C-alpha atoms as a PDB file:
ATOM      1  CA  MET A   1       0.000   0.000   0.000  1.00  0.00           C
ATOM      2  CA  SER A   2       1.347   3.419  -0.845  1.00  0.00           C
ATOM      3  CA  ARG A   3       2.182   5.969   1.804  1.00  0.00           C
ATOM      4  CA  ILE A   4      -0.721   8.409   2.126  1.00  0.00           C
ATOM      5  CA  ALA A   5       0.113  12.079   2.154  1.00  0.00           C
ATOM      6  CA  VAL A   6      -1.007  13.224   5.563  1.00  0.00           C
ATOM      7  CA  ALA A   7      -2.627  16.454   4.478  1.00  0.00           C
ATOM      8  CA  ASP A   8      -4.336  15.031   1.408  1.00  0.00           C
ATOM      9  CA  LEU A   9      -7.841  13.854   2.192  1.00  0.00           C
ATOM     10  CA  GLN A  10      -8.492  13.876  -1.552  1.00  0.00           C
ATOM     11  CA  GLU A  11      -6.452  10.665  -1.732  1.00  0.00           C
ATOM     12  CA  PRO A  12      -9.020   8.091  -2.945  1.00  0.00           C
ATOM     13  CA  GLU A  13      -7.539   5.312  -0.816  1.00  0.00           C
ATOM     14  CA  LEU A  14      -7.928   7.330   2.379  1.00  0.00           C
ATOM     15  CA  LYS A  15     -11.421   8.530   1.529  1.00  0.00           C
ATOM     16  CA  GLN A  16     -12.504   4.985   0.699  1.00  0.00           C
ATOM     17  CA  PHE A  17     -11.042   3.721   3.963  1.00  0.00           C
ATOM     18  CA  LEU A  18     -12.987   6.341   5.914  1.00  0.00           C
ATOM     19  CA  PHE A  19     -16.165   5.422   4.020  1.00  0.00           C
ATOM     20  CA  ASP A  20     -15.707   1.696   4.640  1.00  0.00           C
ATOM     21  CA  ALA A  21     -14.336   1.657   8.178  1.00  0.00           C
ATOM     22  CA  VAL A  22     -15.515   4.752  10.045  1.00  0.00           C
ATOM     23  CA  GLU A  23     -19.272   5.189  10.202  1.00  0.00           C
ATOM     24  CA  GLY A  24     -19.350   8.130  12.535  1.00  0.00           C
ATOM     25  CA  VAL A  25     -17.582  10.443  14.916  1.00  0.00           C
ATOM     26  CA  GLU A  26     -17.789   7.893  17.737  1.00  0.00           C
ATOM     27  CA  ASP A  27     -15.960   5.294  15.620  1.00  0.00           C
ATOM     28  CA  LEU A  28     -13.282   7.867  14.882  1.00  0.00           C
ATOM     29  CA  GLN A  29     -12.957   8.911  18.523  1.00  0.00           C
ATOM     30  CA  VAL A  30     -12.568   5.276  19.628  1.00  0.00           C
ATOM     31  CA  LEU A  31      -9.914   4.610  16.980  1.00  0.00           C
ATOM     32  CA  VAL A  32      -8.038   7.802  17.851  1.00  0.00           C
ATOM     33  CA  TRP A  33      -8.152   6.817  21.524  1.00  0.00           C
ATOM     34  CA  PHE A  34      -6.670   3.373  20.757  1.00  0.00           C
ATOM     35  CA  LEU A  35      -3.936   4.857  18.562  1.00  0.00           C
ATOM     36  CA  GLU A  36      -2.908   7.192  21.373  1.00  0.00           C
ATOM     37  CA  GLN A  37      -2.553   4.301  23.857  1.00  0.00           C
ATOM     38  CA  PRO A  38       0.445   1.998  24.257  1.00  0.00           C
ATOM     39  CA  ALA A  39       0.432  -0.961  21.856  1.00  0.00           C
ATOM     40  CA  GLY A  40      -1.702  -3.853  23.082  1.00  0.00           C
ATOM     41  CA  CYS A  41      -3.796  -1.678  25.389  1.00  0.00           C
ATOM     42  CA  GLU A  42      -7.026  -3.366  26.488  1.00  0.00           C
ATOM     43  CA  ALA A  43      -9.994  -1.422  27.782  1.00  0.00           C
ATOM     44  CA  SER A  44     -13.683  -1.737  28.544  1.00  0.00           C
ATOM     45  CA  ALA A  45     -16.341   0.272  26.752  1.00  0.00           C
ATOM     46  CA  THR A  46     -16.890   2.177  30.009  1.00  0.00           C
ATOM     47  CA  ARG A  47     -13.235   3.231  30.255  1.00  0.00           C
ATOM     48  CA  ILE A  48     -13.129   4.253  26.597  1.00  0.00           C
ATOM     49  CA  ALA A  49     -16.367   6.222  26.998  1.00  0.00           C
ATOM     50  CA  GLU A  50     -15.060   8.034  30.069  1.00  0.00           C
ATOM     51  CA  GLN A  51     -11.776   8.959  28.422  1.00  0.00           C
ATOM     52  CA  THR A  52     -13.230  10.023  25.061  1.00  0.00           C
ATOM     53  CA  GLY A  53     -16.328  11.819  26.330  1.00  0.00           C
ATOM     54  CA  VAL A  54     -18.583   9.548  24.285  1.00  0.00           C
ATOM     55  CA  LEU A  55     -21.689   8.052  25.878  1.00  0.00           C
ATOM     56  CA  ARG A  56     -21.060   4.461  26.993  1.00  0.00           C
ATOM     57  CA  SER A  57     -23.838   3.140  24.736  1.00  0.00           C
ATOM     58  CA  ALA A  58     -22.384   5.013  21.742  1.00  0.00           C
ATOM     59  CA  ALA A  59     -18.889   3.761  22.553  1.00  0.00           C
ATOM     60  CA  LEU A  60     -20.181   0.183  22.779  1.00  0.00           C
ATOM     61  CA  GLU A  61     -21.976   0.534  19.426  1.00  0.00           C
ATOM     62  CA  ALA A  62     -18.825   1.962  17.843  1.00  0.00           C
ATOM     63  CA  LEU A  63     -16.713  -0.838  19.308  1.00  0.00           C
ATOM     64  CA  THR A  64     -19.173  -3.427  17.997  1.00  0.00           C
ATOM     65  CA  ARG A  65     -18.930  -1.938  14.492  1.00  0.00           C
ATOM     66  CA  LEU A  66     -15.137  -1.782  14.700  1.00  0.00           C
ATOM     67  CA  VAL A  67     -14.964  -5.425  15.808  1.00  0.00           C
ATOM     68  CA  ALA A  68     -17.166  -6.406  12.847  1.00  0.00           C
ATOM     69  CA  LYS A  69     -14.849  -4.483  10.517  1.00  0.00           C
ATOM     70  CA  GLY A  70     -11.757  -6.208  11.873  1.00  0.00           C
ATOM     71  CA  LEU A  71     -10.153  -3.116  13.426  1.00  0.00           C
ATOM     72  CA  VAL A  72     -10.713  -3.979  17.076  1.00  0.00           C
ATOM     73  CA  SER A  73     -10.972  -7.343  18.809  1.00  0.00           C
ATOM     74  CA  THR A  74     -12.672  -8.462  21.989  1.00  0.00           C
ATOM     75  CA  VAL A  75     -10.517  -9.758  24.813  1.00  0.00           C
ATOM     76  CA  GLY A  76     -11.318 -12.273  27.509  1.00  0.00           C
ATOM     77  CA  ALA A  77     -13.902 -14.996  27.875  1.00  0.00           C
ATOM     78  CA  GLN A  78     -16.741 -12.543  28.359  1.00  0.00           C
ATOM     79  CA  GLY A  79     -15.591 -10.212  25.570  1.00  0.00           C
ATOM     80  CA  VAL A  80     -15.961  -7.201  27.858  1.00  0.00           C
ATOM     81  CA  ALA A  81     -12.617  -5.652  26.969  1.00  0.00           C
ATOM     82  CA  PHE A  82     -11.407  -4.450  23.598  1.00  0.00           C
ATOM     83  CA  ARG A  83      -8.029  -4.069  21.924  1.00  0.00           C
ATOM     84  CA  TYR A  84      -6.930  -2.274  18.752  1.00  0.00           C
ATOM     85  CA  ASP A  85      -6.117  -5.189  16.485  1.00  0.00           C
ATOM     86  CA  PRO A  86      -6.494  -4.517  12.749  1.00  0.00           C
ATOM     87  CA  LYS A  87      -6.705  -7.782  10.815  1.00  0.00           C
ATOM     88  CA  ASP A  88      -5.085  -6.128   7.782  1.00  0.00           C
ATOM     89  CA  PRO A  89      -1.650  -4.659   8.666  1.00  0.00           C
ATOM     90  CA  SER A  90      -1.883  -2.072   5.878  1.00  0.00           C
ATOM     91  CA  VAL A  91      -4.860  -0.526   7.672  1.00  0.00           C
ATOM     92  CA  HIS A  92      -2.590   0.750  10.432  1.00  0.00           C
ATOM     93  CA  ALA A  93      -0.831   3.130   8.020  1.00  0.00           C
ATOM     94  CA  LEU A  94      -4.199   4.492   6.891  1.00  0.00           C
ATOM     95  CA  LEU A  95      -5.285   4.986  10.495  1.00  0.00           C
ATOM     96  CA  GLU A  96      -2.028   6.773  11.285  1.00  0.00           C
ATOM     97  CA  ALA A  97      -2.692   9.140   8.349  1.00  0.00           C
ATOM     98  CA  VAL A  98      -6.238   9.730   9.608  1.00  0.00           C
ATOM     99  CA  LEU A  99      -4.921  10.398  13.118  1.00  0.00           C
ATOM    100  CA  GLU A 100      -2.356  12.901  11.866  1.00  0.00           C
ATOM    101  CA  GLN A 101      -5.005  14.691   9.803  1.00  0.00           C
ATOM    102  CA  TYR A 102      -7.407  14.615  12.766  1.00  0.00           C
ATOM    103  CA  ARG A 103      -4.770  16.251  14.977  1.00  0.00           C
ATOM    104  CA  THR A 104      -3.982  18.990  12.469  1.00  0.00           C
ATOM    105  CA  SER A 105      -7.423  19.574  10.968  1.00  0.00           C
ATOM    106  CA  ALA A 106     -10.267  17.709  12.612  1.00  0.00           C
ATOM    107  CA  VAL A 107     -12.738  19.783  10.587  1.00  0.00           C
ATOM    108  CA  GLN A 108     -11.534  18.225   7.322  1.00  0.00           C
ATOM    109  CA  ILE A 109     -11.983  14.703   8.692  1.00  0.00           C
ATOM    110  CA  LEU A 110     -15.429  15.618  10.028  1.00  0.00           C
ATOM    111  CA  LYS A 111     -16.412  16.998   6.606  1.00  0.00           C
ATOM    112  CA  VAL A 112     -15.447  13.694   4.986  1.00  0.00           C
ATOM    113  CA  LEU A 113     -17.396  11.738   7.628  1.00  0.00           C
ATOM    114  CA  THR A 114     -20.430  13.969   7.084  1.00  0.00           C
ATOM    115  CA  ALA A 115     -20.257  13.526   3.314  1.00  0.00           C
ATOM    116  CA  ASN A 116     -19.950   9.764   3.825  1.00  0.00           C
ATOM    117  CA  ALA A 117     -23.000   9.718   6.105  1.00  0.00           C
ATOM    118  CA  ILE A 118     -25.021  11.644   3.520  1.00  0.00           C
ATOM    119  CA  GLU A 119     -23.924   9.199   0.827  1.00  0.00           C
ATOM    120  CA  ARG A 120     -24.981   6.227   2.976  1.00  0.00           C
ATOM    121  CA  VAL A 121     -28.418   7.778   3.529  1.00  0.00           C
ATOM    122  CA  ARG A 122     -28.836   8.488  -0.188  1.00  0.00           C
ATOM    123  CA  THR A 123     -27.790   4.969  -1.122  1.00  0.00           C
ATOM    124  CA  ALA A 124     -30.175   3.442   1.416  1.00  0.00           C
ATOM    125  CA  ALA A 125     -33.025   5.668   0.189  1.00  0.00           C
ATOM    126  CA  LEU A 126     -32.393   4.733  -3.440  1.00  0.00           C
ATOM    127  CA  ARG A 127     -32.233   1.052  -2.538  1.00  0.00           C
ATOM    128  CA  THR A 128     -35.518   1.308  -0.626  1.00  0.00           C
ATOM    129  CA  PHE A 129     -37.161   3.191  -3.483  1.00  0.00           C
ATOM    130  CA  ALA A 130     -35.990   0.652  -6.067  1.00  0.00           C
ATOM    131  CA  GLU A 131     -37.087  -2.223  -3.833  1.00  0.00           C
ATOM    132  CA  SER A 132     -40.615  -0.792  -3.673  1.00  0.00           C
ATOM    133  CA  PHE A 133     -40.978  -1.388  -7.423  1.00  0.00           C
ATOM    134  CA  ARG A 134     -39.722  -4.950  -7.357  1.00  0.00           C
ATOM    135  CA  ILE A 135     -42.357  -7.477  -8.324  1.00  0.00           C
ATOM    136  CA  ARG A 136     -42.707 -10.153  -5.734  1.00  0.00           C
ATOM    137  CA  GLY A 137     -44.582 -13.365  -5.889  1.00  0.00           C
ATOM    138  CA  PRO A 138     -47.097 -14.474  -3.270  1.00  0.00           C
ATOM    139  CA  ARG A 139     -45.674 -15.209   0.158  1.00  0.00           C
END
């Protein structure tokens, strides 16, 4: 994977990563928190929520999404702790670029996340609209 220019959010690879992996501000805040911790850090949703200022329920939802996307893993028999653990090693470089951009210009990252959210809503609306015209047989 090529090295992403830190200040260039126009880089398609970085924008696609944000679209695919980061659904909202809470996801971003959780990832930033993990990247700022020592490697291998394990924490509960409550601890992450307290230290990021995110509601515990929102932090838990973000962690659940990040586990599903292979960026975070659960730890322990009960799965009550989480650890930054990207399944794809190349993702770490992308996250480092996002973190650097977030530190220097959080507004730019937030604009990309907002545009991504709007695109998801549009896509879902179009899918729902198209589905309403689909001919279905008897159930």
